[in-house]
Amino acid sequence: MEQRKNVTEFVLLGLTQSLQGQRTLFVVFLLIYLTMMGNRLSVLTVVFSPTLCCPIYFFISYLSFLNGVYSTTVTPNMIIGLLCEEKTVSFQTCMIQLFIGHLFGGADIILLVVMAHDRYMAISKSLHYLTVMNKRVCILLLLLTLVSGFLQGVLHPLFVYNLPYCDPNVIDHFICDMYPLIKLACHDTYITVLTVLANDGTISVVIFTL
């Protein structure tokens, strides 16, 4: 068996093997992505408008930014892959994609929790809302969100980085994702899967408890 040191790239099977299907999906996803990124320009209105300075607009603008970066982690490569015959991705690129995806995906989820608490404060303590949720608090909450996302982004790639990978190096997916990578490992991954599930489960419980 060839170990990971000889597996320098992975082959992505993509969404479909049909040439016509790939062309159709290319047009559809390209239009959706361009529309979505164009809508991100509206965030500038929120950021620079003096009348939209309350905390909820602050959080919405950064949520839009996080969503845009998270989508950019996957979508451009997927769109390009729909036009290319060889859909390969290097091991290093795969790990970077995992890191960035989990960083901004995790931060996105935490920011939604922060926004839920912001709405709770606005409703239950409306008289003290602007005093409690001042600009300094909003920035600290945003930094907490990014730090939490960073920890999540570092943790997940570590689970799969040191696994031994063997040929065939074909991923039955359109992106580099955690579980398809685990399936390619050459040895028992029970502990790895259990650790990943425990980590994700703990985060889910903490979020819903908050």
C-alpha atoms as a PDB file:
ATOM      1  CA  MET A   1       0.000   0.000   0.000  1.00  0.00           C
ATOM      2  CA  GLU A   2       1.202   3.498  -0.845  1.00  0.00           C
ATOM      3  CA  GLN A   3       1.157   5.812   2.127  1.00  0.00           C
ATOM      4  CA  ARG A   4       0.276   9.488   2.197  1.00  0.00           C
ATOM      5  CA  LYS A   5       3.816  10.631   1.336  1.00  0.00           C
ATOM      6  CA  ASN A   6       3.225   9.236  -2.170  1.00  0.00           C
ATOM      7  CA  VAL A   7      -0.328  10.609  -2.440  1.00  0.00           C
ATOM      8  CA  THR A   8       0.326  14.211  -3.410  1.00  0.00           C
ATOM      9  CA  GLU A   9      -3.075  14.952  -4.921  1.00  0.00           C
ATOM     10  CA  PHE A  10      -6.684  13.832  -4.900  1.00  0.00           C
ATOM     11  CA  VAL A  11      -9.120  13.380  -7.776  1.00  0.00           C
ATOM     12  CA  LEU A  12     -12.584  14.874  -7.274  1.00  0.00           C
ATOM     13  CA  LEU A  13     -15.427  13.044  -9.020  1.00  0.00           C
ATOM     14  CA  GLY A  14     -17.608  16.169  -8.980  1.00  0.00           C
ATOM     15  CA  LEU A  15     -21.374  16.481  -9.120  1.00  0.00           C
ATOM     16  CA  THR A  16     -21.963  14.586 -12.360  1.00  0.00           C
ATOM     17  CA  GLN A  17     -20.033  12.711 -15.039  1.00  0.00           C
ATOM     18  CA  SER A  18     -22.351  13.922 -17.813  1.00  0.00           C
ATOM     19  CA  LEU A  19     -20.717  16.537 -20.072  1.00  0.00           C
ATOM     20  CA  GLN A  20     -24.054  18.249 -20.726  1.00  0.00           C
ATOM     21  CA  GLY A  21     -24.841  18.208 -17.019  1.00  0.00           C
ATOM     22  CA  GLN A  22     -21.479  19.782 -16.208  1.00  0.00           C
ATOM     23  CA  ARG A  23     -22.031  22.622 -18.689  1.00  0.00           C
ATOM     24  CA  THR A  24     -25.514  23.291 -17.332  1.00  0.00           C
ATOM     25  CA  LEU A  25     -24.274  23.311 -13.739  1.00  0.00           C
ATOM     26  CA  PHE A  26     -21.384  25.597 -14.731  1.00  0.00           C
ATOM     27  CA  VAL A  27     -23.789  28.248 -16.037  1.00  0.00           C
ATOM     28  CA  VAL A  28     -26.174  27.885 -13.081  1.00  0.00           C
ATOM     29  CA  PHE A  29     -23.510  28.072 -10.361  1.00  0.00           C
ATOM     30  CA  LEU A  30     -21.606  30.868 -12.112  1.00  0.00           C
ATOM     31  CA  LEU A  31     -24.737  33.038 -12.297  1.00  0.00           C
ATOM     32  CA  ILE A  32     -25.632  32.298  -8.666  1.00  0.00           C
ATOM     33  CA  TYR A  33     -22.089  33.036  -7.472  1.00  0.00           C
ATOM     34  CA  LEU A  34     -21.789  36.308  -9.424  1.00  0.00           C
ATOM     35  CA  THR A  35     -25.210  37.428  -8.173  1.00  0.00           C
ATOM     36  CA  MET A  36     -24.285  36.568  -4.597  1.00  0.00           C
ATOM     37  CA  MET A  37     -20.954  38.414  -4.785  1.00  0.00           C
ATOM     38  CA  GLY A  38     -22.692  41.390  -6.404  1.00  0.00           C
ATOM     39  CA  ASN A  39     -25.124  41.513  -3.503  1.00  0.00           C
ATOM     40  CA  ARG A  40     -22.140  41.760  -1.161  1.00  0.00           C
ATOM     41  CA  LEU A  41     -21.640  45.301  -2.491  1.00  0.00           C
ATOM     42  CA  SER A  42     -24.804  46.279  -0.635  1.00  0.00           C
ATOM     43  CA  VAL A  43     -22.880  45.563   2.574  1.00  0.00           C
ATOM     44  CA  LEU A  44     -20.803  48.680   1.851  1.00  0.00           C
ATOM     45  CA  THR A  45     -24.006  50.705   2.217  1.00  0.00           C
ATOM     46  CA  VAL A  46     -24.484  49.321   5.706  1.00  0.00           C
ATOM     47  CA  VAL A  47     -20.837  49.787   6.704  1.00  0.00           C
ATOM     48  CA  PHE A  48     -20.531  53.401   5.570  1.00  0.00           C
ATOM     49  CA  SER A  49     -24.063  54.643   6.251  1.00  0.00           C
ATOM     50  CA  PRO A  50     -24.255  56.838   9.393  1.00  0.00           C
ATOM     51  CA  THR A  51     -27.955  55.992   9.823  1.00  0.00           C
ATOM     52  CA  LEU A  52     -27.350  52.222   9.960  1.00  0.00           C
ATOM     53  CA  CYS A  53     -24.976  52.118  12.913  1.00  0.00           C
ATOM     54  CA  CYS A  54     -26.897  49.982  15.421  1.00  0.00           C
ATOM     55  CA  PRO A  55     -25.380  46.611  16.465  1.00  0.00           C
ATOM     56  CA  ILE A  56     -27.653  44.408  14.347  1.00  0.00           C
ATOM     57  CA  TYR A  57     -26.482  46.092  11.132  1.00  0.00           C
ATOM     58  CA  PHE A  58     -22.883  45.776  12.310  1.00  0.00           C
ATOM     59  CA  PHE A  59     -23.323  42.020  12.779  1.00  0.00           C
ATOM     60  CA  ILE A  60     -25.304  41.580   9.554  1.00  0.00           C
ATOM     61  CA  SER A  61     -22.534  43.235   7.521  1.00  0.00           C
ATOM     62  CA  TYR A  62     -19.886  40.901   8.936  1.00  0.00           C
ATOM     63  CA  LEU A  63     -22.182  37.892   8.579  1.00  0.00           C
ATOM     64  CA  SER A  64     -22.491  38.756   4.892  1.00  0.00           C
ATOM     65  CA  PHE A  65     -18.700  39.036   4.657  1.00  0.00           C
ATOM     66  CA  LEU A  66     -18.178  35.643   6.334  1.00  0.00           C
ATOM     67  CA  ASN A  67     -20.745  34.018   4.044  1.00  0.00           C
ATOM     68  CA  GLY A  68     -19.005  35.478   0.997  1.00  0.00           C
ATOM     69  CA  VAL A  69     -15.565  34.219   2.028  1.00  0.00           C
ATOM     70  CA  TYR A  70     -16.960  30.814   3.001  1.00  0.00           C
ATOM     71  CA  SER A  71     -18.618  30.460  -0.410  1.00  0.00           C
ATOM     72  CA  THR A  72     -15.432  31.568  -2.169  1.00  0.00           C
ATOM     73  CA  THR A  73     -13.544  28.750  -0.437  1.00  0.00           C
ATOM     74  CA  VAL A  74     -15.450  26.173  -2.473  1.00  0.00           C
ATOM     75  CA  THR A  75     -17.422  27.695  -5.339  1.00  0.00           C
ATOM     76  CA  PRO A  76     -14.712  29.022  -7.725  1.00  0.00           C
ATOM     77  CA  ASN A  77     -12.811  25.716  -7.709  1.00  0.00           C
ATOM     78  CA  MET A  78     -16.053  23.805  -8.193  1.00  0.00           C
ATOM     79  CA  ILE A  79     -17.057  26.037 -11.140  1.00  0.00           C
ATOM     80  CA  ILE A  80     -13.637  25.670 -12.779  1.00  0.00           C
ATOM     81  CA  GLY A  81     -13.766  21.909 -12.179  1.00  0.00           C
ATOM     82  CA  LEU A  82     -17.003  21.678 -14.159  1.00  0.00           C
ATOM     83  CA  LEU A  83     -15.075  22.809 -17.264  1.00  0.00           C
ATOM     84  CA  CYS A  84     -11.916  20.752 -16.718  1.00  0.00           C
ATOM     85  CA  GLU A  85     -11.472  17.099 -17.594  1.00  0.00           C
ATOM     86  CA  GLU A  86      -8.972  16.543 -14.778  1.00  0.00           C
ATOM     87  CA  LYS A  87     -10.485  17.519 -11.442  1.00  0.00           C
ATOM     88  CA  THR A  88      -7.445  17.203  -9.203  1.00  0.00           C
ATOM     89  CA  VAL A  89      -6.488  19.040  -6.030  1.00  0.00           C
ATOM     90  CA  SER A  90      -3.137  18.829  -4.235  1.00  0.00           C
ATOM     91  CA  PHE A  91      -2.917  17.528  -0.676  1.00  0.00           C
ATOM     92  CA  GLN A  92      -1.754  20.933   0.619  1.00  0.00           C
ATOM     93  CA  THR A  93      -4.567  22.767  -1.192  1.00  0.00           C
ATOM     94  CA  CYS A  94      -7.063  20.282   0.212  1.00  0.00           C
ATOM     95  CA  MET A  95      -5.877  20.953   3.776  1.00  0.00           C
ATOM     96  CA  ILE A  96      -5.970  24.734   3.222  1.00  0.00           C
ATOM     97  CA  GLN A  97      -9.503  24.439   1.847  1.00  0.00           C
ATOM     98  CA  LEU A  98     -10.526  22.443   4.913  1.00  0.00           C
ATOM     99  CA  PHE A  99      -8.957  25.020   7.237  1.00  0.00           C
ATOM    100  CA  ILE A 100     -10.526  28.083   5.585  1.00  0.00           C
ATOM    101  CA  GLY A 101     -13.897  26.377   5.198  1.00  0.00           C
ATOM    102  CA  HIS A 102     -14.113  25.375   8.857  1.00  0.00           C
ATOM    103  CA  LEU A 103     -12.686  28.718  10.009  1.00  0.00           C
ATOM    104  CA  PHE A 104     -15.328  30.838   8.304  1.00  0.00           C
ATOM    105  CA  GLY A 105     -18.067  28.207   8.613  1.00  0.00           C
ATOM    106  CA  GLY A 106     -17.473  27.965  12.364  1.00  0.00           C
ATOM    107  CA  ALA A 107     -17.270  31.746  12.733  1.00  0.00           C
ATOM    108  CA  ASP A 108     -20.507  32.054  10.764  1.00  0.00           C
ATOM    109  CA  ILE A 109     -22.350  29.761  13.193  1.00  0.00           C
ATOM    110  CA  ILE A 110     -20.972  31.516  16.295  1.00  0.00           C
ATOM    111  CA  LEU A 111     -21.890  34.916  14.847  1.00  0.00           C
ATOM    112  CA  LEU A 112     -25.481  33.738  14.361  1.00  0.00           C
ATOM    113  CA  VAL A 113     -25.555  32.827  18.066  1.00  0.00           C
ATOM    114  CA  VAL A 114     -24.205  36.292  18.924  1.00  0.00           C
ATOM    115  CA  MET A 115     -26.899  37.885  16.750  1.00  0.00           C
ATOM    116  CA  ALA A 116     -29.595  35.854  18.512  1.00  0.00           C
ATOM    117  CA  HIS A 117     -28.385  37.188  21.877  1.00  0.00           C
ATOM    118  CA  ASP A 118     -28.261  40.690  20.418  1.00  0.00           C
ATOM    119  CA  ARG A 119     -31.955  40.408  19.467  1.00  0.00           C
ATOM    120  CA  TYR A 120     -32.730  39.044  22.943  1.00  0.00           C
ATOM    121  CA  MET A 121     -31.057  42.083  24.517  1.00  0.00           C
ATOM    122  CA  ALA A 122     -32.909  44.459  22.174  1.00  0.00           C
ATOM    123  CA  ILE A 123     -36.286  42.971  23.152  1.00  0.00           C
ATOM    124  CA  SER A 124     -35.865  42.215  26.859  1.00  0.00           C
ATOM    125  CA  LYS A 125     -33.654  45.165  27.857  1.00  0.00           C
ATOM    126  CA  SER A 126     -34.586  47.752  25.273  1.00  0.00           C
ATOM    127  CA  LEU A 127     -33.911  50.747  27.552  1.00  0.00           C
ATOM    128  CA  HIS A 128     -30.335  49.647  28.251  1.00  0.00           C
ATOM    129  CA  TYR A 129     -29.709  48.004  24.866  1.00  0.00           C
ATOM    130  CA  LEU A 130     -27.481  50.653  23.261  1.00  0.00           C
ATOM    131  CA  THR A 131     -25.552  51.108  26.507  1.00  0.00           C
ATOM    132  CA  VAL A 132     -24.838  47.396  26.905  1.00  0.00           C
ATOM    133  CA  MET A 133     -24.284  46.625  23.216  1.00  0.00           C
ATOM    134  CA  ASN A 134     -21.896  49.489  22.558  1.00  0.00           C
ATOM    135  CA  LYS A 135     -19.291  49.488  19.793  1.00  0.00           C
ATOM    136  CA  ARG A 136     -16.552  48.080  22.041  1.00  0.00           C
ATOM    137  CA  VAL A 137     -18.722  45.111  23.067  1.00  0.00           C
ATOM    138  CA  CYS A 138     -19.689  44.457  19.436  1.00  0.00           C
ATOM    139  CA  ILE A 139     -16.039  44.407  18.350  1.00  0.00           C
ATOM    140  CA  LEU A 140     -15.106  42.079  21.231  1.00  0.00           C
ATOM    141  CA  LEU A 141     -17.942  39.709  20.286  1.00  0.00           C
ATOM    142  CA  LEU A 142     -16.783  39.769  16.664  1.00  0.00           C
ATOM    143  CA  LEU A 143     -13.210  38.954  17.731  1.00  0.00           C
ATOM    144  CA  LEU A 144     -14.531  36.110  19.903  1.00  0.00           C
ATOM    145  CA  THR A 145     -16.384  34.813  16.856  1.00  0.00           C
ATOM    146  CA  LEU A 146     -13.234  34.866  14.706  1.00  0.00           C
ATOM    147  CA  VAL A 147     -11.089  33.224  17.405  1.00  0.00           C
ATOM    148  CA  SER A 148     -13.686  30.453  17.830  1.00  0.00           C
ATOM    149  CA  GLY A 149     -13.738  29.955  14.063  1.00  0.00           C
ATOM    150  CA  PHE A 150      -9.933  29.834  13.967  1.00  0.00           C
ATOM    151  CA  LEU A 151      -9.808  27.126  16.636  1.00  0.00           C
ATOM    152  CA  GLN A 152     -12.421  25.147  14.724  1.00  0.00           C
ATOM    153  CA  GLY A 153     -10.472  25.657  11.496  1.00  0.00           C
ATOM    154  CA  VAL A 154      -7.242  24.351  13.035  1.00  0.00           C
ATOM    155  CA  LEU A 155      -8.842  21.423  14.849  1.00  0.00           C
ATOM    156  CA  HIS A 156     -10.642  19.748  11.939  1.00  0.00           C
ATOM    157  CA  PRO A 157      -7.709  19.495   9.476  1.00  0.00           C
ATOM    158  CA  LEU A 158      -5.567  18.046  12.284  1.00  0.00           C
ATOM    159  CA  PHE A 159      -7.923  15.058  12.455  1.00  0.00           C
ATOM    160  CA  VAL A 160      -7.145  14.069   8.852  1.00  0.00           C
ATOM    161  CA  TYR A 161      -3.698  15.556   8.181  1.00  0.00           C
ATOM    162  CA  ASN A 162      -1.678  12.714   9.713  1.00  0.00           C
ATOM    163  CA  LEU A 163      -3.844   9.873   8.419  1.00  0.00           C
ATOM    164  CA  PRO A 164      -2.059   7.487   6.018  1.00  0.00           C
ATOM    165  CA  TYR A 165      -3.652   7.663   2.551  1.00  0.00           C
ATOM    166  CA  CYS A 166      -3.446   4.977  -0.107  1.00  0.00           C
ATOM    167  CA  ASP A 167      -4.319   4.652  -3.762  1.00  0.00           C
ATOM    168  CA  PRO A 168      -6.908   5.025  -5.196  1.00  0.00           C
ATOM    169  CA  ASN A 169      -6.925   8.720  -4.317  1.00  0.00           C
ATOM    170  CA  VAL A 170     -10.421   9.413  -5.686  1.00  0.00           C
ATOM    171  CA  ILE A 171     -12.824  11.513  -3.584  1.00  0.00           C
ATOM    172  CA  ASP A 172     -16.497  10.912  -4.340  1.00  0.00           C
ATOM    173  CA  HIS A 173     -17.354  14.563  -3.804  1.00  0.00           C
ATOM    174  CA  PHE A 174     -17.034  17.962  -5.492  1.00  0.00           C
ATOM    175  CA  ILE A 175     -14.887  19.451  -2.698  1.00  0.00           C
ATOM    176  CA  CYS A 176     -12.291  18.302  -0.180  1.00  0.00           C
ATOM    177  CA  ASP A 177     -14.361  17.484   2.883  1.00  0.00           C
ATOM    178  CA  MET A 178     -13.691  15.747   6.159  1.00  0.00           C
ATOM    179  CA  TYR A 179     -15.601  12.471   5.837  1.00  0.00           C
ATOM    180  CA  PRO A 180     -14.691  11.685   2.187  1.00  0.00           C
ATOM    181  CA  LEU A 181     -11.026  12.115   3.192  1.00  0.00           C
ATOM    182  CA  ILE A 182     -11.425   9.827   6.193  1.00  0.00           C
ATOM    183  CA  LYS A 183     -12.855   7.146   3.883  1.00  0.00           C
ATOM    184  CA  LEU A 184      -9.589   7.159   1.885  1.00  0.00           C
ATOM    185  CA  ALA A 185      -7.411   6.380   4.903  1.00  0.00           C
ATOM    186  CA  CYS A 186      -5.544   3.058   4.876  1.00  0.00           C
ATOM    187  CA  HIS A 187      -6.093   2.109   8.496  1.00  0.00           C
ATOM    188  CA  ASP A 188      -8.859   1.952  11.072  1.00  0.00           C
ATOM    189  CA  THR A 189     -10.407   5.416  11.487  1.00  0.00           C
ATOM    190  CA  TYR A 190     -12.883   4.537  14.238  1.00  0.00           C
ATOM    191  CA  ILE A 191     -11.143   6.727  16.842  1.00  0.00           C
ATOM    192  CA  THR A 192     -10.813   9.605  14.369  1.00  0.00           C
ATOM    193  CA  VAL A 193     -14.500   9.483  13.414  1.00  0.00           C
ATOM    194  CA  LEU A 194     -15.505   9.203  17.077  1.00  0.00           C
ATOM    195  CA  THR A 195     -13.354  12.230  17.952  1.00  0.00           C
ATOM    196  CA  VAL A 196     -14.807  14.309  15.108  1.00  0.00           C
ATOM    197  CA  LEU A 197     -18.375  13.389  16.091  1.00  0.00           C
ATOM    198  CA  ALA A 198     -17.664  14.156  19.761  1.00  0.00           C
ATOM    199  CA  ASN A 199     -16.189  17.531  18.823  1.00  0.00           C
ATOM    200  CA  ASP A 200     -19.080  18.487  16.533  1.00  0.00           C
ATOM    201  CA  GLY A 201     -21.642  17.165  19.001  1.00  0.00           C
ATOM    202  CA  THR A 202     -20.138  19.151  21.882  1.00  0.00           C
ATOM    203  CA  ILE A 203     -20.160  22.344  19.826  1.00  0.00           C
ATOM    204  CA  SER A 204     -23.793  21.763  18.815  1.00  0.00           C
ATOM    205  CA  VAL A 205     -24.874  21.169  22.420  1.00  0.00           C
ATOM    206  CA  VAL A 206     -23.030  24.280  23.643  1.00  0.00           C
ATOM    207  CA  ILE A 207     -24.561  26.441  20.893  1.00  0.00           C
ATOM    208  CA  PHE A 208     -28.129  25.274  21.533  1.00  0.00           C
ATOM    209  CA  THR A 209     -27.617  25.575  25.299  1.00  0.00           C
ATOM    210  CA  LEU A 210     -26.579  29.204  24.883  1.00  0.00           C
END
